[in-house]
Amino acid sequence: QVQLVESGGGLVQAGGSLRLSCAASGITFRLYAMGWYRQAPGKQRELVATISSGRTTNYADSVKGRFTISRDNVKNTVYLQMNSLKPEDTAVYYCNAKYSTAGLDYWGQGTQVTVSS
């Protein structure tokens, strides 16, 4: 059974920092591209950052220079360090695991991030 369990969300003031974690189980983690997506109320889910199995990273323009994605293939965990948070970063953040070669794609349940002004 595949599980992606996010943690680390919460309420923070603008300018503050949070670190999200996503612990994966039931998959061969090192083979998967991992990503963070977010969905704000009334908006579509959007990509925040991805990291490939080879550790190549990709960021949405809106978070470049503020957010950092990383992975630990021993702990089967992907992280999202979020600095200089803005109210517009408020959303539910979802972890994604994707193994395109096999057509496999999994999602976590989401964690709420709220940034107050």
Protein backbone atom coordinates (compact mmCIF):
# COMPACT_ATOMS: atom_id res chain seq x y z
CA GLN A 1 0.00 0.00 0.00
CA VAL A 2 1.42 3.34 -1.08
CA GLN A 3 1.34 6.16 1.44
CA LEU A 4 2.55 9.72 1.18
CA VAL A 5 2.22 11.50 4.51
CA GLU A 6 2.79 15.25 4.62
CA SER A 7 3.63 17.18 7.76
CA GLY A 8 4.94 20.56 8.79
CA GLY A 9 2.13 22.82 7.72
CA GLY A 10 0.68 25.49 9.95
CA LEU A 11 0.09 29.16 10.52
CA VAL A 12 2.98 31.58 10.08
CA GLN A 13 3.35 35.33 9.71
CA ALA A 14 4.46 36.88 6.45
CA GLY A 15 8.22 36.73 6.14
CA GLY A 16 8.42 33.56 8.20
CA SER A 17 9.53 30.06 7.32
CA LEU A 18 8.14 26.54 7.34
CA ARG A 19 9.55 23.19 6.32
CA LEU A 20 7.20 20.62 4.87
CA SER A 21 8.04 16.92 4.92
CA CYS A 22 6.53 14.06 2.95
CA ALA A 23 7.33 10.54 4.10
CA ALA A 24 6.76 7.87 1.47
CA SER A 25 6.15 4.17 1.96
CA GLY A 26 5.17 1.34 -0.34
CA ILE A 27 7.25 2.62 -3.26
CA THR A 28 10.86 2.33 -4.38
CA PHE A 29 11.40 5.93 -3.45
CA ARG A 30 14.74 6.47 -5.23
CA LEU A 31 13.11 5.73 -8.60
CA TYR A 32 10.39 8.34 -8.26
CA ALA A 33 10.31 11.99 -9.18
CA MET A 34 8.86 13.84 -6.21
CA GLY A 35 6.98 17.07 -6.21
CA TRP A 36 5.06 19.59 -4.18
CA TYR A 37 1.88 21.15 -5.50
CA ARG A 38 -0.55 23.55 -3.88
CA GLN A 39 -4.17 24.53 -4.19
CA ALA A 40 -5.62 27.75 -2.86
CA PRO A 41 -9.37 28.18 -2.31
CA GLY A 42 -11.15 28.66 -5.61
CA LYS A 43 -8.03 27.99 -7.65
CA GLN A 44 -6.61 25.06 -9.56
CA ARG A 45 -3.85 22.93 -8.16
CA GLU A 46 -0.47 24.24 -9.30
CA LEU A 47 3.09 23.00 -9.34
CA VAL A 48 5.38 24.42 -6.66
CA ALA A 49 8.56 22.39 -7.07
CA THR A 50 9.78 19.03 -8.31
CA ILE A 51 12.93 16.97 -7.84
CA SER A 52 13.81 14.12 -10.14
CA SER A 53 15.31 10.79 -9.17
CA GLY A 54 18.61 12.31 -10.29
CA ARG A 55 17.99 15.36 -8.03
CA THR A 56 17.30 17.81 -10.83
CA THR A 57 15.01 20.49 -9.42
CA ASN A 58 12.35 22.68 -10.97
CA TYR A 59 10.43 25.57 -9.37
CA ALA A 60 7.44 27.70 -10.15
CA ASP A 61 8.51 31.26 -10.91
CA SER A 62 6.49 32.49 -7.93
CA VAL A 63 8.64 30.58 -5.44
CA LYS A 64 12.10 30.71 -7.03
CA GLY A 65 14.68 31.99 -4.60
CA ARG A 66 12.36 31.45 -1.61
CA PHE A 67 11.59 27.71 -1.62
CA THR A 68 13.98 24.76 -1.77
CA ILE A 69 13.02 21.17 -2.50
CA SER A 70 15.27 18.31 -1.39
CA ARG A 71 15.08 14.58 -0.91
CA ASP A 72 16.57 11.95 1.39
CA ASN A 73 16.59 8.54 -0.30
CA VAL A 74 17.55 6.83 2.96
CA LYS A 75 14.59 8.25 4.89
CA ASN A 76 12.28 8.06 1.84
CA THR A 77 11.33 11.66 2.48
CA VAL A 78 11.04 14.79 0.38
CA TYR A 79 11.20 18.25 1.92
CA LEU A 80 10.11 21.73 0.98
CA GLN A 81 11.88 24.53 2.81
CA MET A 82 9.78 27.66 2.49
CA ASN A 83 11.32 31.01 3.40
CA SER A 84 10.10 34.59 3.08
CA LEU A 85 6.54 33.36 3.04
CA LYS A 86 3.84 35.61 1.62
CA PRO A 87 0.06 35.61 2.17
CA GLU A 88 -0.34 34.41 -1.41
CA ASP A 89 1.49 31.22 -0.47
CA THR A 90 -1.55 30.23 1.59
CA ALA A 91 -2.86 26.93 0.25
CA VAL A 92 -3.13 23.22 0.86
CA TYR A 93 0.22 21.71 -0.12
CA TYR A 94 0.25 18.23 -1.65
CA CYS A 95 3.10 15.79 -2.08
CA ASN A 96 3.32 13.85 -5.35
CA ALA A 97 5.32 10.79 -6.37
CA LYS A 98 5.63 9.99 -10.03
CA TYR A 99 7.29 7.11 -11.87
CA SER A 100 6.50 7.97 -15.46
CA THR A 101 8.13 4.89 -16.97
CA ALA A 102 5.53 2.70 -15.29
CA GLY A 103 2.69 5.22 -15.40
CA LEU A 104 2.55 5.47 -11.61
CA ASP A 105 1.39 8.64 -9.89
CA TYR A 106 0.49 9.03 -6.21
CA TRP A 107 -0.71 11.90 -4.02
CA GLY A 108 -0.65 12.67 -0.34
CA GLN A 109 -3.61 13.97 1.61
CA GLY A 110 -2.32 17.53 1.83
CA THR A 111 -1.20 19.86 4.59
CA GLN A 112 -2.53 23.37 5.17
CA VAL A 113 -0.18 26.33 5.06
CA THR A 114 -1.60 29.68 6.12
CA VAL A 115 0.44 32.87 5.93
CA SER A 116 -0.98 35.87 7.76
CA SER A 117 -0.21 39.44 6.76
